[in-house]
Amino acid sequence: QVQLAESGGGLVQPGGSLRLSCAASGSISSIYVRGWYRQTPGKQRELVAVITSAGSTNYADSVKGRFTISIDNAKNTVYLQMNSLKTEDTAVYYCNARRPLQSYWGQGTQVTVSS
């Protein structure tokens, strides 16, 4: 099993920044990709950014140039640096980790962008 603990959500004004963290514990040795997804009421969960064990990254078009995903392997933690936040970035953000045939989710952290 893999446990994911998210932190860093909150309320921020448009144009502001937040950094989300996701610490992994448990059987993490075979994780090959980690990422962030987000969901708003009535909509499907959507990919925000992912990073592979080799360091390759992929971003949703809506966040390219504003968000950066990174990983600290010594801390088993993935970060999502979010800059130039927009009201449409408001959502619950979920951390994800994948092993062969298994996918794990964090509990979610609320990000609200509002003036």
Protein backbone atom coordinates (compact mmCIF):
# COMPACT_ATOMS: atom_id res chain seq x y z
CA GLN A 1 0.00 0.00 0.00
CA VAL A 2 0.92 3.62 -0.58
CA GLN A 3 -0.27 6.50 1.58
CA LEU A 4 -0.36 10.04 0.23
CA ALA A 5 -0.63 13.11 2.45
CA GLU A 6 -1.36 16.45 0.79
CA SER A 7 -0.91 19.93 2.19
CA GLY A 8 -0.70 23.53 1.05
CA GLY A 9 -4.16 24.38 -0.20
CA GLY A 10 -6.00 27.52 0.79
CA LEU A 11 -7.48 30.82 -0.32
CA VAL A 12 -5.48 33.10 -2.60
CA GLN A 13 -6.25 36.15 -4.70
CA PRO A 14 -6.10 36.05 -8.49
CA GLY A 15 -2.50 36.42 -9.62
CA GLY A 16 -1.20 34.89 -6.42
CA SER A 17 0.78 31.73 -5.77
CA LEU A 18 0.45 28.54 -3.76
CA ARG A 19 2.58 25.45 -3.38
CA LEU A 20 1.01 22.07 -2.83
CA SER A 21 2.93 19.18 -1.29
CA CYS A 22 2.26 15.45 -1.41
CA ALA A 23 4.30 13.17 0.81
CA ALA A 24 4.28 9.45 0.02
CA SER A 25 4.84 6.61 2.46
CA GLY A 26 4.52 2.84 2.46
CA SER A 27 5.48 0.67 -0.52
CA ILE A 28 6.83 3.46 -2.70
CA SER A 29 9.73 1.71 -4.40
CA SER A 30 7.79 0.70 -7.52
CA ILE A 31 5.98 3.99 -8.10
CA TYR A 32 6.65 5.05 -11.70
CA VAL A 33 4.58 8.21 -12.03
CA ARG A 34 3.17 10.79 -9.65
CA GLY A 35 0.91 13.67 -10.35
CA TRP A 36 -1.75 16.18 -9.48
CA TYR A 37 -5.36 16.17 -10.61
CA ARG A 38 -8.21 18.53 -9.81
CA GLN A 39 -11.97 18.37 -9.65
CA THR A 40 -14.81 20.86 -9.41
CA PRO A 41 -18.44 20.02 -8.56
CA GLY A 42 -20.25 18.30 -11.40
CA LYS A 43 -17.12 17.76 -13.47
CA GLN A 44 -14.76 14.87 -13.98
CA ARG A 45 -11.40 14.83 -12.30
CA GLU A 46 -8.80 16.21 -14.71
CA LEU A 47 -5.06 15.93 -15.00
CA VAL A 48 -3.06 18.98 -13.96
CA ALA A 49 0.53 17.74 -14.09
CA VAL A 50 2.48 14.49 -13.85
CA ILE A 51 6.11 13.57 -13.35
CA THR A 52 7.68 10.18 -14.05
CA SER A 53 10.38 8.42 -12.07
CA ALA A 54 12.77 9.49 -14.85
CA GLY A 55 11.84 13.14 -14.33
CA SER A 56 9.73 13.65 -17.43
CA THR A 57 6.81 16.02 -16.95
CA ASN A 58 3.50 16.68 -18.65
CA TYR A 59 1.03 19.49 -18.04
CA ALA A 60 -2.53 20.34 -18.93
CA ASP A 61 -2.61 23.09 -21.54
CA SER A 62 -4.53 25.32 -19.13
CA VAL A 63 -1.64 25.42 -16.63
CA LYS A 64 1.42 25.36 -18.88
CA GLY A 65 3.77 28.21 -18.07
CA ARG A 66 2.08 28.84 -14.71
CA PHE A 67 2.40 25.58 -12.76
CA THR A 68 5.52 23.52 -12.11
CA ILE A 69 5.63 19.97 -10.80
CA SER A 70 8.77 18.75 -9.06
CA ILE A 71 9.90 15.92 -6.83
CA ASP A 72 12.24 15.61 -3.86
CA ASN A 73 13.17 11.94 -3.82
CA ALA A 74 14.95 12.21 -0.48
CA LYS A 75 11.66 13.31 1.10
CA ASN A 76 9.40 11.19 -1.13
CA THR A 77 7.47 14.37 -1.77
CA VAL A 78 6.00 15.85 -4.93
CA TYR A 79 5.31 19.56 -5.19
CA LEU A 80 3.04 21.64 -7.37
CA GLN A 81 4.09 25.26 -7.56
CA MET A 82 1.16 27.29 -8.80
CA ASN A 83 1.78 30.85 -9.98
CA SER A 84 -0.44 33.44 -11.65
CA LEU A 85 -3.48 31.71 -10.27
CA LYS A 86 -6.84 32.32 -11.91
CA THR A 87 -10.37 31.97 -10.56
CA GLU A 88 -10.83 29.00 -12.86
CA ASP A 89 -8.06 27.15 -11.00
CA THR A 90 -10.41 26.85 -8.03
CA ALA A 91 -10.88 23.14 -7.33
CA VAL A 92 -10.07 20.29 -5.02
CA TYR A 93 -6.56 19.12 -5.92
CA TYR A 94 -5.70 15.45 -5.55
CA CYS A 95 -2.30 13.84 -5.43
CA ASN A 96 -1.87 10.56 -7.32
CA ALA A 97 0.76 7.85 -7.42
CA ARG A 98 0.84 4.86 -9.72
CA ARG A 99 2.47 1.47 -9.42
CA PRO A 100 1.95 -1.34 -11.95
CA LEU A 101 -1.78 -2.21 -11.86
CA GLN A 102 -2.40 0.10 -8.87
CA SER A 103 -3.31 3.76 -8.44
CA TYR A 104 -3.42 5.66 -5.18
CA TRP A 105 -5.07 8.96 -4.28
CA GLY A 106 -4.67 11.49 -1.52
CA GLN A 107 -7.63 12.93 0.36
CA GLY A 108 -7.63 16.17 -1.62
CA THR A 109 -6.88 19.75 -0.70
CA GLN A 110 -9.07 22.73 -1.54
CA VAL A 111 -7.62 25.58 -3.58
CA THR A 112 -9.81 28.66 -3.85
CA VAL A 113 -8.81 31.61 -6.04
CA SER A 114 -10.99 34.59 -5.27
CA SER A 115 -10.78 38.30 -4.62
